[in-house]
Amino acid sequence: MWTHVEPLHAVTYFHPRARAAYEAIGLRGYWRGYFAGRTAPLGPTDAAPVIAAFFNFAPPMVSRALPAIWRLATPDEALRARLTGAVQALAELTYELPEAHLAEAAELLETAATGADPAGRVLGAANAALPRGEYPLARLWQAATTLRELRGDGHVAALVAAGLDPAETLAWRVAVDMPALHLLGRGWTEQQWAEARARLVERGWLTADGEPTQTGRAGFQAVEEATDRAAARPWLSLGPDRTDRLRELLDPVARACHTVIPPDSPIGLPALRS
């Protein structure tokens, strides 16, 4: 289900209409819109909670954005901009789908989101508490975003439980399956990258020349399995029949969203199977 829900949320990062909506309220530059949009459900917070919740950005990078962005736009303005941009993006991508199709998908996805337990999941809980959208696409995107952030919170918890820090996590992903170019933009210095790789070598996850070991692969697979278990409750609550129906409804929406998501994006989102 993650592969069908994540693309709906991700249009906010990659579609030109989503980025234009942030620029219209004075948030010029990709990272201003990113930090404002993801942080806005928490209110006008400073950097410290966001460093903890977002997990994989270097603290100085977050501190440069927060709380300075709130002098350019309020959290309420950022929330309106992110929803406006996302809805415009989805409208462009799904114009061929009947409204009844989107309304049914929104209803089921909202039901799944309300079946989640937000305890211990700060970003997910903050998004779940936002007002319900008025139209199907707004409801669909907000429910997808709530589920996405709930899953992300659980993933961070699994990483922490496995003893991985943010720089180590990114260094591992670069060694395994992600282009370094995207993740190097998260504010970590060359020295911090080198130290993170050295720690992974010391714990037996990487060889001396930076290749993943079986120990490392097994360790990270355990993290992924813990993430999946933590994210399962919405789908167990929805039940197999309605989950299958929702997947069927989301499939054309997710495929349309993939047309604007770069295949080598830092989300690491696999293509949907035919």
C-alpha atoms as a PDB file:
ATOM      1  CA  MET A   1       0.000   0.000   0.000  1.00  0.00           C
ATOM      2  CA  TRP A   2       2.948   2.321   0.590  1.00  0.00           C
ATOM      3  CA  THR A   3       3.769   2.179  -3.126  1.00  0.00           C
ATOM      4  CA  HIS A   4       0.210   3.344  -3.882  1.00  0.00           C
ATOM      5  CA  VAL A   5      -0.070   6.030  -1.190  1.00  0.00           C
ATOM      6  CA  GLU A   6       3.380   7.653  -1.240  1.00  0.00           C
ATOM      7  CA  PRO A   7       3.147   8.893  -4.862  1.00  0.00           C
ATOM      8  CA  LEU A   8       0.030  10.927  -4.024  1.00  0.00           C
ATOM      9  CA  HIS A   9       1.859  12.741  -1.256  1.00  0.00           C
ATOM     10  CA  ALA A  10       5.043  13.159  -3.298  1.00  0.00           C
ATOM     11  CA  VAL A  11       3.510  15.483  -5.900  1.00  0.00           C
ATOM     12  CA  THR A  12       4.003  18.250  -3.341  1.00  0.00           C
ATOM     13  CA  TYR A  13       7.774  17.922  -3.829  1.00  0.00           C
ATOM     14  CA  PHE A  14       7.991  17.453  -7.585  1.00  0.00           C
ATOM     15  CA  HIS A  15       5.074  19.022  -9.438  1.00  0.00           C
ATOM     16  CA  PRO A  16       5.588  22.592 -10.733  1.00  0.00           C
ATOM     17  CA  ARG A  17       2.139  23.681  -9.506  1.00  0.00           C
ATOM     18  CA  ALA A  18       2.978  22.607  -5.960  1.00  0.00           C
ATOM     19  CA  ARG A  19       6.211  24.566  -5.977  1.00  0.00           C
ATOM     20  CA  ALA A  20       4.510  27.598  -7.552  1.00  0.00           C
ATOM     21  CA  ALA A  21       1.970  27.662  -4.718  1.00  0.00           C
ATOM     22  CA  TYR A  22       4.765  28.079  -2.169  1.00  0.00           C
ATOM     23  CA  GLU A  23       6.448  30.760  -4.241  1.00  0.00           C
ATOM     24  CA  ALA A  24       3.169  32.680  -4.414  1.00  0.00           C
ATOM     25  CA  ILE A  25       3.284  33.227  -0.634  1.00  0.00           C
ATOM     26  CA  GLY A  26       6.927  34.284  -0.637  1.00  0.00           C
ATOM     27  CA  LEU A  27       8.610  30.917  -0.054  1.00  0.00           C
ATOM     28  CA  ARG A  28      11.079  31.013  -2.919  1.00  0.00           C
ATOM     29  CA  GLY A  29      13.625  28.250  -3.215  1.00  0.00           C
ATOM     30  CA  TYR A  30      12.878  24.540  -2.946  1.00  0.00           C
ATOM     31  CA  TRP A  31      13.899  24.036   0.683  1.00  0.00           C
ATOM     32  CA  ARG A  32      11.857  26.956   2.047  1.00  0.00           C
ATOM     33  CA  GLY A  33       8.709  25.380   0.646  1.00  0.00           C
ATOM     34  CA  TYR A  34       9.754  21.928   1.797  1.00  0.00           C
ATOM     35  CA  PHE A  35      10.443  22.883   5.405  1.00  0.00           C
ATOM     36  CA  ALA A  36       7.431  25.193   5.643  1.00  0.00           C
ATOM     37  CA  GLY A  37       5.037  22.649   4.159  1.00  0.00           C
ATOM     38  CA  ARG A  38       6.124  19.664   6.222  1.00  0.00           C
ATOM     39  CA  THR A  39       6.550  21.658   9.422  1.00  0.00           C
ATOM     40  CA  ALA A  40       3.365  23.739   9.220  1.00  0.00           C
ATOM     41  CA  PRO A  41       1.073  21.125  10.876  1.00  0.00           C
ATOM     42  CA  LEU A  42       3.238  21.503  14.009  1.00  0.00           C
ATOM     43  CA  GLY A  43       2.661  25.271  14.159  1.00  0.00           C
ATOM     44  CA  PRO A  44       5.337  28.011  14.284  1.00  0.00           C
ATOM     45  CA  THR A  45       7.977  25.778  15.818  1.00  0.00           C
ATOM     46  CA  ASP A  46      11.700  26.374  15.808  1.00  0.00           C
ATOM     47  CA  ALA A  47      14.361  23.973  14.569  1.00  0.00           C
ATOM     48  CA  ALA A  48      14.787  21.542  17.480  1.00  0.00           C
ATOM     49  CA  PRO A  49      11.571  19.466  17.118  1.00  0.00           C
ATOM     50  CA  VAL A  50      11.971  19.374  13.343  1.00  0.00           C
ATOM     51  CA  ILE A  51      15.564  18.138  13.564  1.00  0.00           C
ATOM     52  CA  ALA A  52      14.248  15.279  15.679  1.00  0.00           C
ATOM     53  CA  ALA A  53      11.125  14.520  13.641  1.00  0.00           C
ATOM     54  CA  PHE A  54      12.575  14.815  10.118  1.00  0.00           C
ATOM     55  CA  PHE A  55      15.614  12.804  11.320  1.00  0.00           C
ATOM     56  CA  ASN A  56      17.872  12.817   8.257  1.00  0.00           C
ATOM     57  CA  PHE A  57      18.733  16.492   7.795  1.00  0.00           C
ATOM     58  CA  ALA A  58      21.860  17.949   9.347  1.00  0.00           C
ATOM     59  CA  PRO A  59      20.869  20.226  12.268  1.00  0.00           C
ATOM     60  CA  PRO A  60      22.523  23.374  10.796  1.00  0.00           C
ATOM     61  CA  MET A  61      20.489  22.997   7.604  1.00  0.00           C
ATOM     62  CA  VAL A  62      17.227  22.891   9.557  1.00  0.00           C
ATOM     63  CA  SER A  63      18.332  25.760  11.776  1.00  0.00           C
ATOM     64  CA  ARG A  64      18.924  27.961   8.729  1.00  0.00           C
ATOM     65  CA  ALA A  65      15.312  27.400   7.659  1.00  0.00           C
ATOM     66  CA  LEU A  66      13.551  27.541  11.023  1.00  0.00           C
ATOM     67  CA  PRO A  67      12.191  29.694  12.498  1.00  0.00           C
ATOM     68  CA  ALA A  68      13.219  32.163   9.732  1.00  0.00           C
ATOM     69  CA  ILE A  69      10.601  30.875   7.262  1.00  0.00           C
ATOM     70  CA  TRP A  70       7.807  32.003   9.580  1.00  0.00           C
ATOM     71  CA  ARG A  71       8.846  35.597   8.879  1.00  0.00           C
ATOM     72  CA  LEU A  72       7.957  34.962   5.232  1.00  0.00           C
ATOM     73  CA  ALA A  73       4.735  32.998   5.702  1.00  0.00           C
ATOM     74  CA  THR A  74       2.672  31.795   8.641  1.00  0.00           C
ATOM     75  CA  PRO A  75       2.022  28.077   9.185  1.00  0.00           C
ATOM     76  CA  ASP A  76      -1.611  28.597   8.157  1.00  0.00           C
ATOM     77  CA  GLU A  77      -0.485  30.214   4.906  1.00  0.00           C
ATOM     78  CA  ALA A  78       1.960  27.389   4.302  1.00  0.00           C
ATOM     79  CA  LEU A  79      -0.767  24.796   4.906  1.00  0.00           C
ATOM     80  CA  ARG A  80      -3.080  26.492   2.429  1.00  0.00           C
ATOM     81  CA  ALA A  81      -0.292  26.727  -0.130  1.00  0.00           C
ATOM     82  CA  ARG A  82       0.727  23.082   0.177  1.00  0.00           C
ATOM     83  CA  LEU A  83      -2.867  21.859  -0.135  1.00  0.00           C
ATOM     84  CA  THR A  84      -3.621  24.217  -3.024  1.00  0.00           C
ATOM     85  CA  GLY A  85      -0.501  23.157  -4.899  1.00  0.00           C
ATOM     86  CA  ALA A  86      -1.070  19.458  -4.262  1.00  0.00           C
ATOM     87  CA  VAL A  87      -4.720  19.603  -5.339  1.00  0.00           C
ATOM     88  CA  GLN A  88      -3.840  21.522  -8.497  1.00  0.00           C
ATOM     89  CA  ALA A  89      -1.162  18.958  -9.271  1.00  0.00           C
ATOM     90  CA  LEU A  90      -3.501  16.023  -8.712  1.00  0.00           C
ATOM     91  CA  ALA A  91      -6.258  17.693 -10.732  1.00  0.00           C
ATOM     92  CA  GLU A  92      -3.885  18.000 -13.682  1.00  0.00           C
ATOM     93  CA  LEU A  93      -2.767  14.388 -13.329  1.00  0.00           C
ATOM     94  CA  THR A  94      -6.184  12.768 -12.781  1.00  0.00           C
ATOM     95  CA  TYR A  95      -8.489  14.833 -15.009  1.00  0.00           C
ATOM     96  CA  GLU A  96      -9.520  11.712 -16.948  1.00  0.00           C
ATOM     97  CA  LEU A  97     -10.769   9.885 -13.849  1.00  0.00           C
ATOM     98  CA  PRO A  98     -14.468  10.247 -12.879  1.00  0.00           C
ATOM     99  CA  GLU A  99     -15.167  12.232  -9.729  1.00  0.00           C
ATOM    100  CA  ALA A 100     -16.987   9.211  -8.287  1.00  0.00           C
ATOM    101  CA  HIS A 101     -13.732   7.226  -8.592  1.00  0.00           C
ATOM    102  CA  LEU A 102     -11.779   9.875  -6.674  1.00  0.00           C
ATOM    103  CA  ALA A 103     -14.524  10.315  -4.072  1.00  0.00           C
ATOM    104  CA  GLU A 104     -14.622   6.584  -3.314  1.00  0.00           C
ATOM    105  CA  ALA A 105     -10.838   6.463  -3.064  1.00  0.00           C
ATOM    106  CA  ALA A 106     -10.839   9.461  -0.714  1.00  0.00           C
ATOM    107  CA  GLU A 107     -13.481   7.891   1.511  1.00  0.00           C
ATOM    108  CA  LEU A 108     -11.586   4.623   1.848  1.00  0.00           C
ATOM    109  CA  LEU A 109      -8.215   6.312   2.344  1.00  0.00           C
ATOM    110  CA  GLU A 110      -9.651   8.556   5.051  1.00  0.00           C
ATOM    111  CA  THR A 111     -11.118   5.494   6.746  1.00  0.00           C
ATOM    112  CA  ALA A 112      -7.700   3.834   6.690  1.00  0.00           C
ATOM    113  CA  ALA A 113      -6.060   6.954   8.128  1.00  0.00           C
ATOM    114  CA  THR A 114      -8.538   7.138  10.999  1.00  0.00           C
ATOM    115  CA  GLY A 115      -7.745   3.483  11.778  1.00  0.00           C
ATOM    116  CA  ALA A 116      -4.144   4.354  12.627  1.00  0.00           C
ATOM    117  CA  ASP A 117      -2.883   4.868  16.172  1.00  0.00           C
ATOM    118  CA  PRO A 118      -1.029   8.214  16.324  1.00  0.00           C
ATOM    119  CA  ALA A 119       0.594   7.511  19.698  1.00  0.00           C
ATOM    120  CA  GLY A 120       4.308   8.280  19.494  1.00  0.00           C
ATOM    121  CA  ARG A 121       3.983   9.587  15.912  1.00  0.00           C
ATOM    122  CA  VAL A 122       4.266  13.348  16.044  1.00  0.00           C
ATOM    123  CA  LEU A 123       4.171  14.264  12.350  1.00  0.00           C
ATOM    124  CA  GLY A 124       1.416  11.776  11.626  1.00  0.00           C
ATOM    125  CA  ALA A 125      -0.678  12.980  14.548  1.00  0.00           C
ATOM    126  CA  ALA A 126      -0.265  16.637  13.570  1.00  0.00           C
ATOM    127  CA  ASN A 127      -1.456  15.896  10.039  1.00  0.00           C
ATOM    128  CA  ALA A 128      -4.331  13.727  11.260  1.00  0.00           C
ATOM    129  CA  ALA A 129      -5.588  16.663  13.344  1.00  0.00           C
ATOM    130  CA  LEU A 130      -5.910  19.024  10.362  1.00  0.00           C
ATOM    131  CA  PRO A 131      -9.419  19.895   9.120  1.00  0.00           C
ATOM    132  CA  ARG A 132     -10.970  17.517   6.617  1.00  0.00           C
ATOM    133  CA  GLY A 133     -10.766  18.689   3.021  1.00  0.00           C
ATOM    134  CA  GLU A 134     -13.875  19.910   1.257  1.00  0.00           C
ATOM    135  CA  TYR A 135     -13.350  18.196  -2.114  1.00  0.00           C
ATOM    136  CA  PRO A 136     -12.283  14.634  -3.025  1.00  0.00           C
ATOM    137  CA  LEU A 137      -8.774  15.537  -4.202  1.00  0.00           C
ATOM    138  CA  ALA A 138      -8.082  17.576  -1.072  1.00  0.00           C
ATOM    139  CA  ARG A 139      -9.352  14.739   1.096  1.00  0.00           C
ATOM    140  CA  LEU A 140      -7.364  12.183  -0.892  1.00  0.00           C
ATOM    141  CA  TRP A 141      -4.100  14.106  -0.636  1.00  0.00           C
ATOM    142  CA  GLN A 142      -4.511  14.888   3.062  1.00  0.00           C
ATOM    143  CA  ALA A 143      -5.290  11.265   3.946  1.00  0.00           C
ATOM    144  CA  ALA A 144      -2.300  10.089   1.900  1.00  0.00           C
ATOM    145  CA  THR A 145      -0.083  12.624   3.667  1.00  0.00           C
ATOM    146  CA  THR A 146      -1.317  11.580   7.102  1.00  0.00           C
ATOM    147  CA  LEU A 147      -0.591   7.914   6.354  1.00  0.00           C
ATOM    148  CA  ARG A 148       2.755   8.810   4.843  1.00  0.00           C
ATOM    149  CA  GLU A 149       3.877  10.753   7.905  1.00  0.00           C
ATOM    150  CA  LEU A 150       2.563   8.081  10.277  1.00  0.00           C
ATOM    151  CA  ARG A 151       4.655   5.525   8.425  1.00  0.00           C
ATOM    152  CA  GLY A 152       7.647   7.854   8.463  1.00  0.00           C
ATOM    153  CA  ASP A 153       7.392   8.307  12.216  1.00  0.00           C
ATOM    154  CA  GLY A 154       7.400   4.533  12.633  1.00  0.00           C
ATOM    155  CA  HIS A 155      10.408   4.234  10.330  1.00  0.00           C
ATOM    156  CA  VAL A 156      12.359   6.746  12.415  1.00  0.00           C
ATOM    157  CA  ALA A 157      11.479   4.779  15.558  1.00  0.00           C
ATOM    158  CA  ALA A 158      12.766   1.584  13.916  1.00  0.00           C
ATOM    159  CA  LEU A 159      16.018   3.287  12.911  1.00  0.00           C
ATOM    160  CA  VAL A 160      16.547   4.620  16.426  1.00  0.00           C
ATOM    161  CA  ALA A 161      15.817   1.187  17.911  1.00  0.00           C
ATOM    162  CA  ALA A 162      18.407  -0.322  15.548  1.00  0.00           C
ATOM    163  CA  GLY A 163      21.003   2.174  16.771  1.00  0.00           C
ATOM    164  CA  LEU A 164      21.339   4.023  13.456  1.00  0.00           C
ATOM    165  CA  ASP A 165      21.859   7.774  13.495  1.00  0.00           C
ATOM    166  CA  PRO A 166      20.747  10.031  10.611  1.00  0.00           C
ATOM    167  CA  ALA A 167      24.125  10.265   8.836  1.00  0.00           C
ATOM    168  CA  GLU A 168      24.664   6.502   9.124  1.00  0.00           C
ATOM    169  CA  THR A 169      21.221   5.847   7.665  1.00  0.00           C
ATOM    170  CA  LEU A 170      21.908   8.034   4.644  1.00  0.00           C
ATOM    171  CA  ALA A 171      25.393   6.588   4.167  1.00  0.00           C
ATOM    172  CA  TRP A 172      23.868   3.106   4.178  1.00  0.00           C
ATOM    173  CA  ARG A 173      21.269   4.034   1.571  1.00  0.00           C
ATOM    174  CA  VAL A 174      23.945   5.545  -0.670  1.00  0.00           C
ATOM    175  CA  ALA A 175      25.968   2.331  -0.381  1.00  0.00           C
ATOM    176  CA  VAL A 176      22.940   0.204  -1.250  1.00  0.00           C
ATOM    177  CA  ASP A 177      20.458   1.841  -3.578  1.00  0.00           C
ATOM    178  CA  MET A 178      20.329   5.637  -3.712  1.00  0.00           C
ATOM    179  CA  PRO A 179      22.244   8.241  -5.733  1.00  0.00           C
ATOM    180  CA  ALA A 180      24.618  10.145  -3.487  1.00  0.00           C
ATOM    181  CA  LEU A 181      23.823  13.419  -5.253  1.00  0.00           C
ATOM    182  CA  HIS A 182      20.350  13.710  -3.709  1.00  0.00           C
ATOM    183  CA  LEU A 183      21.278  12.747  -0.172  1.00  0.00           C
ATOM    184  CA  LEU A 184      24.445  14.833  -0.061  1.00  0.00           C
ATOM    185  CA  GLY A 185      22.156  17.859  -0.245  1.00  0.00           C
ATOM    186  CA  ARG A 186      20.872  17.271   3.278  1.00  0.00           C
ATOM    187  CA  GLY A 187      23.527  19.372   4.937  1.00  0.00           C
ATOM    188  CA  TRP A 188      26.065  16.854   6.235  1.00  0.00           C
ATOM    189  CA  THR A 189      29.731  17.700   5.777  1.00  0.00           C
ATOM    190  CA  GLU A 190      32.257  15.485   4.003  1.00  0.00           C
ATOM    191  CA  GLN A 191      33.814  14.714   7.364  1.00  0.00           C
ATOM    192  CA  GLN A 192      30.467  13.658   8.811  1.00  0.00           C
ATOM    193  CA  TRP A 193      29.845  11.411   5.782  1.00  0.00           C
ATOM    194  CA  ALA A 194      33.257   9.811   6.207  1.00  0.00           C
ATOM    195  CA  GLU A 195      32.719   9.296   9.934  1.00  0.00           C
ATOM    196  CA  ALA A 196      29.285   7.748   9.318  1.00  0.00           C
ATOM    197  CA  ARG A 197      30.736   5.302   6.766  1.00  0.00           C
ATOM    198  CA  ALA A 198      33.520   4.436   9.204  1.00  0.00           C
ATOM    199  CA  ARG A 199      30.966   3.634  11.910  1.00  0.00           C
ATOM    200  CA  LEU A 200      29.102   1.359   9.488  1.00  0.00           C
ATOM    201  CA  VAL A 201      32.374  -0.434   8.704  1.00  0.00           C
ATOM    202  CA  GLU A 202      33.049  -0.809  12.419  1.00  0.00           C
ATOM    203  CA  ARG A 203      29.659  -2.376  13.079  1.00  0.00           C
ATOM    204  CA  GLY A 204      30.138  -4.777  10.159  1.00  0.00           C
ATOM    205  CA  TRP A 205      27.523  -3.277   7.811  1.00  0.00           C
ATOM    206  CA  LEU A 206      30.022  -2.125   5.178  1.00  0.00           C
ATOM    207  CA  THR A 207      33.316  -3.563   4.010  1.00  0.00           C
ATOM    208  CA  ALA A 208      36.428  -1.404   4.131  1.00  0.00           C
ATOM    209  CA  ASP A 209      35.821  -0.394   0.500  1.00  0.00           C
ATOM    210  CA  GLY A 210      32.207   0.602   1.218  1.00  0.00           C
ATOM    211  CA  GLU A 211      30.324  -2.464  -0.034  1.00  0.00           C
ATOM    212  CA  PRO A 212      27.253  -3.649   1.934  1.00  0.00           C
ATOM    213  CA  THR A 213      27.748  -6.864   3.901  1.00  0.00           C
ATOM    214  CA  GLN A 214      25.221  -9.599   4.579  1.00  0.00           C
ATOM    215  CA  THR A 215      25.161  -8.443   8.198  1.00  0.00           C
ATOM    216  CA  GLY A 216      24.242  -4.951   7.068  1.00  0.00           C
ATOM    217  CA  ARG A 217      21.593  -6.130   4.642  1.00  0.00           C
ATOM    218  CA  ALA A 218      19.997  -8.320   7.301  1.00  0.00           C
ATOM    219  CA  GLY A 219      20.125  -5.509   9.842  1.00  0.00           C
ATOM    220  CA  PHE A 220      18.442  -3.003   7.569  1.00  0.00           C
ATOM    221  CA  GLN A 221      15.892  -5.556   6.409  1.00  0.00           C
ATOM    222  CA  ALA A 222      14.898  -5.886  10.073  1.00  0.00           C
ATOM    223  CA  VAL A 223      14.366  -2.112  10.152  1.00  0.00           C
ATOM    224  CA  GLU A 224      12.157  -2.294   7.060  1.00  0.00           C
ATOM    225  CA  GLU A 225      10.132  -5.153   8.518  1.00  0.00           C
ATOM    226  CA  ALA A 226       9.646  -3.223  11.779  1.00  0.00           C
ATOM    227  CA  THR A 227       8.505  -0.220   9.724  1.00  0.00           C
ATOM    228  CA  ASP A 228       5.972  -2.365   7.879  1.00  0.00           C
ATOM    229  CA  ARG A 229       4.629  -3.837  11.109  1.00  0.00           C
ATOM    230  CA  ALA A 230       4.256  -0.378  12.617  1.00  0.00           C
ATOM    231  CA  ALA A 231       2.413   0.814   9.492  1.00  0.00           C
ATOM    232  CA  ALA A 232       0.043  -2.164   9.205  1.00  0.00           C
ATOM    233  CA  ARG A 233      -2.783  -1.099  11.516  1.00  0.00           C
ATOM    234  CA  PRO A 234      -4.651   1.163   9.038  1.00  0.00           C
ATOM    235  CA  TRP A 235      -4.878  -1.679   6.523  1.00  0.00           C
ATOM    236  CA  LEU A 236      -5.791  -4.278   9.126  1.00  0.00           C
ATOM    237  CA  SER A 237      -8.510  -1.906  10.329  1.00  0.00           C
ATOM    238  CA  LEU A 238      -9.773  -1.350   6.792  1.00  0.00           C
ATOM    239  CA  GLY A 239      -9.844  -5.092   6.124  1.00  0.00           C
ATOM    240  CA  PRO A 240      -8.641  -7.096   3.103  1.00  0.00           C
ATOM    241  CA  ASP A 241     -11.608  -6.504   0.817  1.00  0.00           C
ATOM    242  CA  ARG A 242     -11.708  -2.719   1.207  1.00  0.00           C
ATOM    243  CA  THR A 243      -7.909  -2.538   1.089  1.00  0.00           C
ATOM    244  CA  ASP A 244      -7.915  -4.430  -2.215  1.00  0.00           C
ATOM    245  CA  ARG A 245     -10.618  -2.101  -3.539  1.00  0.00           C
ATOM    246  CA  LEU A 246      -8.638   0.937  -2.435  1.00  0.00           C
ATOM    247  CA  ARG A 247      -5.489  -0.349  -4.110  1.00  0.00           C
ATOM    248  CA  GLU A 248      -7.475  -0.793  -7.319  1.00  0.00           C
ATOM    249  CA  LEU A 249      -8.788   2.768  -7.091  1.00  0.00           C
ATOM    250  CA  LEU A 250      -5.398   4.274  -6.249  1.00  0.00           C
ATOM    251  CA  ASP A 251      -3.508   2.443  -8.981  1.00  0.00           C
ATOM    252  CA  PRO A 252      -4.265   4.879 -11.843  1.00  0.00           C
ATOM    253  CA  VAL A 253      -3.748   7.861  -9.533  1.00  0.00           C
ATOM    254  CA  ALA A 254      -0.375   6.590  -8.336  1.00  0.00           C
ATOM    255  CA  ARG A 255       0.722   5.800 -11.897  1.00  0.00           C
ATOM    256  CA  ALA A 256      -0.168   9.326 -12.975  1.00  0.00           C
ATOM    257  CA  CYS A 257       1.805  10.746 -10.051  1.00  0.00           C
ATOM    258  CA  HIS A 258       4.838   8.688 -11.058  1.00  0.00           C
ATOM    259  CA  THR A 259       5.046  10.703 -14.274  1.00  0.00           C
ATOM    260  CA  VAL A 260       6.349  13.695 -12.274  1.00  0.00           C
ATOM    261  CA  ILE A 261       8.427  11.800  -9.677  1.00  0.00           C
ATOM    262  CA  PRO A 262      12.052  11.274 -10.767  1.00  0.00           C
ATOM    263  CA  PRO A 263      12.961   7.560 -10.778  1.00  0.00           C
ATOM    264  CA  ASP A 264      16.109   8.307  -8.764  1.00  0.00           C
ATOM    265  CA  SER A 265      14.417  10.579  -6.216  1.00  0.00           C
ATOM    266  CA  PRO A 266      15.534  10.425  -2.561  1.00  0.00           C
ATOM    267  CA  ILE A 267      12.169   8.905  -1.624  1.00  0.00           C
ATOM    268  CA  GLY A 268      13.380   5.611  -3.071  1.00  0.00           C
ATOM    269  CA  LEU A 269       9.918   4.860  -4.425  1.00  0.00           C
ATOM    270  CA  PRO A 270       9.815   1.781  -6.681  1.00  0.00           C
ATOM    271  CA  ALA A 271       7.816   1.810  -9.880  1.00  0.00           C
ATOM    272  CA  LEU A 272       4.412   0.150  -9.699  1.00  0.00           C
ATOM    273  CA  ARG A 273       4.265  -3.303 -11.211  1.00  0.00           C
ATOM    274  CA  SER A 274       2.143  -3.769 -14.328  1.00  0.00           C
END
